[in-house]
Protein backbone atom coordinates (compact mmCIF):
# COMPACT_ATOMS: atom_id res chain seq x y z
CA SER A 1 212.62 37.38 151.37
CA SER A 2 208.88 37.98 151.76
CA ARG A 3 208.53 34.61 153.51
CA LEU A 4 211.13 35.71 156.07
CA ALA A 5 209.54 39.06 156.82
CA ARG A 6 207.24 40.04 159.66
CA PRO A 7 205.35 43.32 160.03
CA SER A 8 207.42 44.07 163.14
CA ASP A 9 210.77 43.81 161.34
CA SER A 10 212.67 47.06 160.86
CA LYS A 11 211.90 48.44 157.42
CA GLU A 12 214.83 50.86 157.72
CA ALA A 13 217.27 48.04 158.40
CA ALA A 14 215.80 45.92 155.58
CA ALA A 15 216.02 48.73 153.04
CA ALA A 16 219.60 49.59 154.05
CA ALA A 17 220.75 45.95 153.89
CA ALA A 18 219.10 45.36 150.52
CA ALA A 19 220.57 48.51 149.00
CA TYR A 20 224.01 47.83 150.44
CA GLY A 21 224.09 44.24 149.20
CA VAL A 22 223.17 45.15 145.64
CA LEU A 23 225.43 48.21 145.44
CA VAL A 24 228.51 46.39 146.75
CA TYR A 25 227.89 43.72 144.12
CA LEU A 26 227.48 46.24 141.30
CA VAL A 27 230.26 48.67 142.27
CA PRO A 28 232.76 46.78 144.43
CA GLY A 29 235.29 49.57 143.98
CA GLN A 30 233.07 51.77 146.15
CA LYS A 31 232.87 49.27 149.01
CA GLU A 32 234.73 51.46 151.51
CA SER A 33 232.38 54.41 151.11
CA LEU A 34 229.35 52.10 150.99
CA ASP A 35 230.50 50.46 154.23
CA SER A 36 230.52 53.86 155.91
CA LEU A 37 227.07 54.79 154.62
CA TYR A 38 225.65 51.42 155.62
CA ALA A 39 227.09 51.64 159.13
CA ALA A 40 225.68 55.14 159.54
CA LEU A 41 222.20 54.01 158.45
CA LEU A 42 222.20 50.99 160.76
CA ALA A 43 223.43 53.12 163.66
CA GLY A 44 220.15 55.01 163.47
CA VAL A 45 218.11 51.84 163.97
CA PRO A 46 217.52 50.73 167.59
CA GLU A 47 219.22 47.48 168.54
CA GLY A 48 217.04 44.42 168.95
CA SER A 49 215.34 41.58 167.14
CA ALA A 50 213.45 43.94 164.79
CA LYS A 51 216.75 45.31 163.50
CA THR A 52 218.37 41.87 163.27
CA ARG A 53 215.44 40.43 161.38
CA GLY A 54 215.20 43.48 159.15
CA ILE A 55 218.83 43.07 158.13
CA ALA A 56 218.20 39.41 157.33
CA VAL A 57 215.24 40.30 155.13
CA GLY A 58 217.27 42.94 153.30
CA GLU A 59 220.17 40.58 152.74
CA ALA A 60 217.81 37.93 151.36
CA ALA A 61 216.23 40.47 149.01
CA ALA A 62 219.66 41.54 147.74
CA ALA A 63 220.73 37.94 147.19
CA ALA A 64 217.51 37.21 145.30
CA MET A 65 217.97 40.23 143.02
CA ILE A 66 221.61 39.37 142.30
CA ALA A 67 220.70 35.75 141.52
CA ALA A 68 217.84 36.84 139.24
CA ARG A 69 220.08 39.19 137.26
CA THR A 70 223.15 36.96 136.93
CA ASP A 71 223.93 36.28 133.25
CA ASP A 72 221.11 38.60 132.19
CA GLY A 73 222.83 39.80 129.02
CA ARG A 74 224.85 42.70 130.37
CA PHE A 75 228.30 43.56 129.04
CA GLY A 76 228.08 41.48 125.87
CA PRO A 77 230.26 42.01 122.77
CA TYR A 78 227.57 43.52 120.52
CA ARG A 79 228.30 46.81 118.73
CA PHE A 80 226.10 48.59 116.20
CA PRO A 81 227.04 47.63 112.62
CA VAL A 82 228.54 50.60 110.78
CA GLY A 83 226.80 51.48 107.52
CA SER A 84 227.97 53.42 104.50
CA VAL A 85 224.92 54.27 102.39
CA ALA A 86 221.95 56.61 102.77
CA GLY A 87 219.90 55.98 105.89
CA GLU A 88 222.51 53.81 107.59
CA TRP A 89 224.11 54.81 110.88
CA ARG A 90 227.79 55.44 111.24
CA PRO A 91 229.89 57.00 114.05
CA VAL A 92 229.99 60.79 113.84
CA LEU A 93 231.53 63.92 115.28
CA PRO A 94 232.87 64.73 117.78
CA ALA A 95 234.42 61.42 118.88
CA PHE A 96 233.37 58.90 116.18
CA VAL A 97 232.50 56.36 118.91
CA ASN A 98 230.43 53.19 118.54
CA ASP A 99 228.32 52.79 121.68
CA PRO A 100 230.20 50.52 124.12
CA SER A 101 226.88 49.78 125.84
CA ALA A 102 225.06 48.62 122.71
CA TRP A 103 224.69 45.25 124.47
CA LEU A 104 221.74 46.83 126.31
CA LYS A 105 219.52 45.42 123.57
CA ASP A 106 220.29 41.89 124.77
CA VAL A 107 219.57 42.43 128.46
CA LYS A 108 216.70 40.38 129.90
CA PRO A 109 213.77 42.71 130.72
CA PHE A 110 212.52 43.02 134.28
CA LEU A 111 208.78 43.16 133.62
CA ILE A 112 207.83 42.90 129.95
CA ARG A 113 207.97 39.65 128.00
CA SER A 114 210.70 40.59 125.52
CA SER A 115 212.60 43.53 124.09
CA SER A 116 210.50 43.33 120.92
CA GLN A 117 207.12 43.41 122.66
CA PHE A 118 206.73 47.18 122.28
CA GLY A 119 209.09 47.91 119.39
CA SER A 120 208.27 50.96 117.32
CA GLN A 121 207.04 51.27 113.73
CA GLY A 122 210.45 52.48 112.64
CA PRO A 123 211.85 55.60 110.98
CA LEU A 124 210.25 57.37 108.06
CA ARG A 125 211.04 56.38 104.48
CA LEU A 126 213.85 58.55 103.14
CA THR A 127 211.83 59.39 100.04
CA SER A 128 208.70 60.45 101.92
CA ARG A 129 207.49 64.03 102.20
CA LYS A 130 207.21 63.72 105.97
CA TYR A 131 210.88 62.72 106.19
CA ALA A 132 211.83 65.77 104.16
CA ARG A 133 209.82 67.96 106.53
CA GLU A 134 211.41 66.43 109.60
CA LEU A 135 214.90 66.78 108.15
CA ALA A 136 214.21 70.42 107.36
CA GLU A 137 212.95 70.96 110.91
CA ALA A 138 216.03 69.41 112.52
CA LYS A 139 218.28 71.23 110.09
CA SER A 140 216.75 74.60 110.92
CA VAL A 141 215.88 74.53 114.61
CA GLY A 142 218.58 72.05 115.65
CA SER A 143 221.57 73.77 114.07
CA ALA A 144 224.38 75.04 116.27
CA THR A 145 223.95 78.38 114.51
CA SER A 146 220.14 78.31 114.22
CA THR A 147 218.29 81.57 113.72
CA THR A 148 214.87 79.94 114.14
CA ARG A 149 215.37 78.36 117.57
CA THR A 150 214.27 80.65 120.40
CA ALA A 151 216.33 81.41 123.50
CA ASP A 152 213.94 79.35 125.62
CA GLN A 153 214.18 76.40 123.24
CA THR A 154 217.97 76.58 123.42
CA HIS A 155 217.73 76.68 127.21
CA ALA A 156 215.45 73.62 127.25
CA ALA A 157 217.68 71.70 124.86
CA ARG A 158 220.74 72.36 127.02
CA TYR A 159 218.86 71.55 130.24
CA TRP A 160 217.71 68.13 128.96
CA ALA A 161 221.18 67.40 127.52
CA GLU A 162 222.34 66.55 131.04
CA ASN A 163 222.56 62.82 131.79
CA PRO A 164 218.83 61.88 131.70
CA PRO A 165 218.79 59.38 134.60
CA ALA A 166 220.66 61.90 136.75
CA THR A 167 218.19 64.65 135.88
CA TRP A 168 215.17 62.53 136.64
CA SER A 169 216.62 60.99 139.81
CA ARG A 170 217.17 64.46 141.22
CA ILE A 171 213.55 65.33 140.34
CA PHE A 172 212.30 62.14 142.02
CA ARG A 173 214.11 62.95 145.24
CA ALA A 174 212.63 66.45 145.28
CA LEU A 175 209.11 65.17 144.54
CA SER A 176 209.41 62.55 147.27
CA ALA A 177 210.42 65.16 149.83
CA GLU A 178 207.73 67.62 148.74
CA GLN A 179 205.02 64.95 148.82
CA GLY A 180 206.21 63.60 152.18
CA LEU A 181 206.57 60.00 151.05
CA SER A 182 207.34 57.33 153.64
CA LEU A 183 210.13 54.76 153.33
CA THR A 184 207.64 52.16 152.12
CA GLU A 185 206.12 54.55 149.60
CA ASN A 186 209.56 55.48 148.33
CA ALA A 187 210.51 51.82 147.92
CA ARG A 188 207.40 51.23 145.83
CA LEU A 189 207.83 54.41 143.78
CA TYR A 190 211.47 53.80 142.94
CA ALA A 191 210.85 50.14 142.07
CA MET A 192 208.06 51.16 139.72
CA LEU A 193 210.11 53.94 138.15
CA TYR A 194 213.38 52.15 137.56
CA MET A 195 212.09 48.75 136.47
CA SER A 196 209.77 50.40 133.95
CA ALA A 197 212.62 52.64 132.76
CA ALA A 198 215.02 49.72 132.41
CA ASP A 199 212.58 47.84 130.20
CA ALA A 200 211.88 50.97 128.16
CA LEU A 201 215.59 51.45 127.49
CA ILE A 202 216.11 47.77 126.67
CA THR A 203 213.26 48.07 124.15
CA VAL A 204 214.67 51.27 122.66
CA TRP A 205 218.14 49.76 122.24
CA ALA A 206 216.60 46.75 120.52
CA ASP A 207 214.85 49.26 118.26
CA LYS A 208 218.14 51.04 117.58
CA ALA A 209 219.79 47.75 116.63
CA ARG A 210 216.85 46.79 114.40
CA PHE A 211 216.67 49.99 112.36
CA LEU A 212 220.30 51.28 112.49
CA PHE A 213 219.10 54.68 111.29
CA TRP A 214 221.41 57.61 110.68
CA ARG A 215 221.57 60.70 112.86
CA PRO A 216 220.59 64.18 111.62
CA ILE A 217 224.24 65.24 111.33
CA THR A 218 224.83 62.48 108.76
CA ALA A 219 221.44 62.81 107.10
CA ILE A 220 221.77 66.57 106.61
CA ARG A 221 225.36 66.49 105.44
CA GLU A 222 224.60 63.68 102.97
CA ALA A 223 221.05 64.66 101.96
CA ASP A 224 222.02 64.76 98.29
CA ALA A 225 222.30 60.96 98.41
CA ASP A 226 218.98 60.16 100.11
CA GLY A 227 216.89 59.98 96.93
CA ASN A 228 214.51 62.68 98.14
CA PRO A 229 214.36 65.77 95.89
CA ALA A 230 212.87 67.84 98.73
CA THR A 231 215.96 67.55 100.98
CA VAL A 232 218.98 69.84 100.62
CA ALA A 233 222.44 68.91 101.87
CA ASP A 234 224.63 71.07 104.09
CA PRO A 235 228.06 69.38 104.30
CA ALA A 236 229.19 71.63 107.17
CA TRP A 237 226.07 71.38 109.35
CA LEU A 238 226.53 70.86 113.11
CA PRO A 239 223.93 70.27 115.86
CA LEU A 240 223.48 72.39 118.97
CA ILE A 241 224.25 69.40 121.22
CA PRO A 242 227.00 66.86 120.34
CA THR A 243 225.49 63.72 118.81
CA PRO A 244 225.41 60.61 121.07
CA PRO A 245 227.39 57.54 119.89
CA TYR A 246 224.43 55.33 118.99
CA THR A 247 221.83 55.02 116.29
CA GLU A 248 218.94 57.46 115.92
CA HIS A 249 215.69 55.52 116.07
CA SER A 250 214.05 55.43 118.49
CA SER A 251 214.98 58.04 121.10
CA GLY A 252 216.47 56.73 124.35
CA HIS A 253 215.80 59.93 126.27
CA ALA A 254 212.17 60.01 125.15
CA GLY A 255 211.72 56.32 125.96
CA LEU A 256 213.17 56.79 129.43
CA SER A 257 211.23 59.99 130.07
CA GLY A 258 208.00 58.56 128.67
CA SER A 259 208.18 55.65 131.12
CA PHE A 260 209.01 57.96 134.02
CA VAL A 261 206.16 60.38 133.31
CA ALA A 262 203.59 57.60 132.92
CA THR A 263 204.80 55.94 136.13
CA LEU A 264 204.68 59.18 138.12
CA ARG A 265 201.10 59.72 136.95
CA ASP A 266 200.18 56.16 137.95
CA PHE A 267 201.79 56.43 141.38
CA PHE A 268 200.40 59.82 142.35
CA GLY A 269 197.07 59.35 140.59
CA THR A 270 197.25 62.70 138.82
CA ASP A 271 199.11 64.56 136.10
CA LYS A 272 198.83 67.85 137.97
CA ILE A 273 201.99 67.94 140.07
CA GLY A 274 204.56 70.61 139.35
CA TRP A 275 208.21 71.16 140.21
CA THR A 276 211.23 73.33 139.52
CA ASP A 277 214.66 71.79 138.95
CA THR A 278 218.14 73.19 138.44
CA ASN A 279 220.66 70.90 136.80
CA ASN A 280 224.40 70.62 137.38
CA ALA A 281 225.06 73.22 134.69
CA GLY A 282 222.91 75.74 136.57
CA LEU A 283 220.01 75.61 134.09
CA THR A 284 216.52 75.74 135.60
CA ARG A 285 213.20 74.52 134.19
CA SER A 286 209.76 74.60 135.79
CA PHE A 287 206.76 72.39 135.06
CA THR A 288 203.15 72.46 136.22
CA ARG A 289 202.34 68.83 135.35
CA PHE A 290 204.12 65.60 134.44
CA SER A 291 202.93 65.51 130.81
CA GLN A 292 204.47 68.92 130.19
CA ALA A 293 207.91 67.43 130.80
CA ILE A 294 207.63 64.61 128.25
CA ASP A 295 206.22 67.02 125.67
CA GLU A 296 209.27 69.23 126.19
CA VAL A 297 211.69 66.29 125.98
CA VAL A 298 210.23 65.30 122.59
CA ASP A 299 210.74 68.85 121.34
CA ALA A 300 214.09 69.39 123.03
CA ARG A 301 215.82 66.53 121.27
CA VAL A 302 214.81 68.06 117.93
CA TRP A 303 215.93 71.50 119.13
CA SER A 304 219.22 69.85 120.08
CA GLY A 305 219.77 68.69 116.50
CA ILE A 306 220.30 65.05 117.49
CA HIS A 307 216.91 63.48 116.63
CA PHE A 308 214.13 63.58 114.10
CA ARG A 309 210.69 64.15 115.62
CA THR A 310 209.38 60.68 114.73
CA ALA A 311 212.12 59.01 116.78
CA ASP A 312 211.22 61.13 119.80
CA GLU A 313 207.50 60.51 119.49
CA GLN A 314 207.89 56.77 119.02
CA GLY A 315 210.44 56.57 121.85
CA ALA A 316 207.99 58.30 124.20
CA GLN A 317 205.29 55.87 123.10
CA ILE A 318 207.53 52.90 123.94
CA GLY A 319 208.00 54.29 127.44
CA LYS A 320 204.27 54.76 127.90
CA GLN A 321 203.48 51.24 126.65
CA VAL A 322 206.01 49.65 129.00
CA ALA A 323 204.59 51.64 131.92
CA LYS A 324 201.05 50.57 131.01
CA TRP A 325 202.16 46.93 130.97
CA ARG A 326 203.70 47.38 134.41
CA ASP A 327 200.52 49.04 135.68
CA THR A 328 198.29 46.19 134.53
CA HIS A 329 200.57 43.26 135.44
CA TYR A 330 202.67 44.28 138.45
CA PHE A 331 202.46 46.22 141.72
CA ARG A 332 198.84 45.17 142.08
CA ALA A 333 197.10 44.71 145.42
CA VAL A 334 197.54 41.21 146.85
CA PRO A 335 194.29 39.63 148.09
CA ALA A 336 194.26 39.10 151.83
CA ARG A 337 194.70 35.48 152.93
CA ALA A 338 192.07 33.87 155.09
CA ASP A 339 193.36 32.72 158.48
């Protein structure tokens, strides 16, 4: 599509056509509403060759993306193997579900070389002292009936329990508006954000399939079988937030958020941008810098009772590594061609 484009082509028409083409392909059941949105966007673009050519560029970009992602590993049959002994993952309360999207581990990355390129070091040994400390932390501060978790920690855990991409996408839109980004700047920002995030999540799900580690609810309830004399079982223990239906290590939320935070810092050239956000449950959090958010996510998943700290820290590191790879290999300035 870049070979078709001219500087005079309508960027608005190109962006609308590209978005429409990809969305209709991905969610054909929403075609009627997408048709209306697309028509409304194009109606705001003056008629003429700039609009016509812009549409053509957008359609070519959509076709190229669809072709590149055909047979990319989505929707495969893989499910996480169910274990039965200490340290092995198995479906848990409340729904005993095995992640229907576990195939994510097999999806072809957008930017990095492979899903194993930035894999983590893995969970702690069950018999280690650090594991015992992390289990005790999750058991205490992550319990549904915790007396050690503060009101603010509970608030943060519940805030970040909202669908993570939805939370962050709402934040991105607010930041874009507050920073006055142009259409071109938005296109670049969102491409950087979501391609980095996709590769971070693909890497994390490969990690989850590699280690198949149990969640705190299983580990705490069955601690008497973990071979560690410093852990104490609580067969009735429940987490503050219901446990997701996939394995524990590493953390998907931290991987996603780590990539987002690193990308925001790269794009804006600073860590010192703040925001306030209210989620769909009416919970509000405020931040003074990007790094503050990822630090809170790492903590919040422990406060939620659904992760051990090591999984959060290593997940965040995966996100940062993927973002660094993107920063050094993609979205670089293109040297001007000599006429």
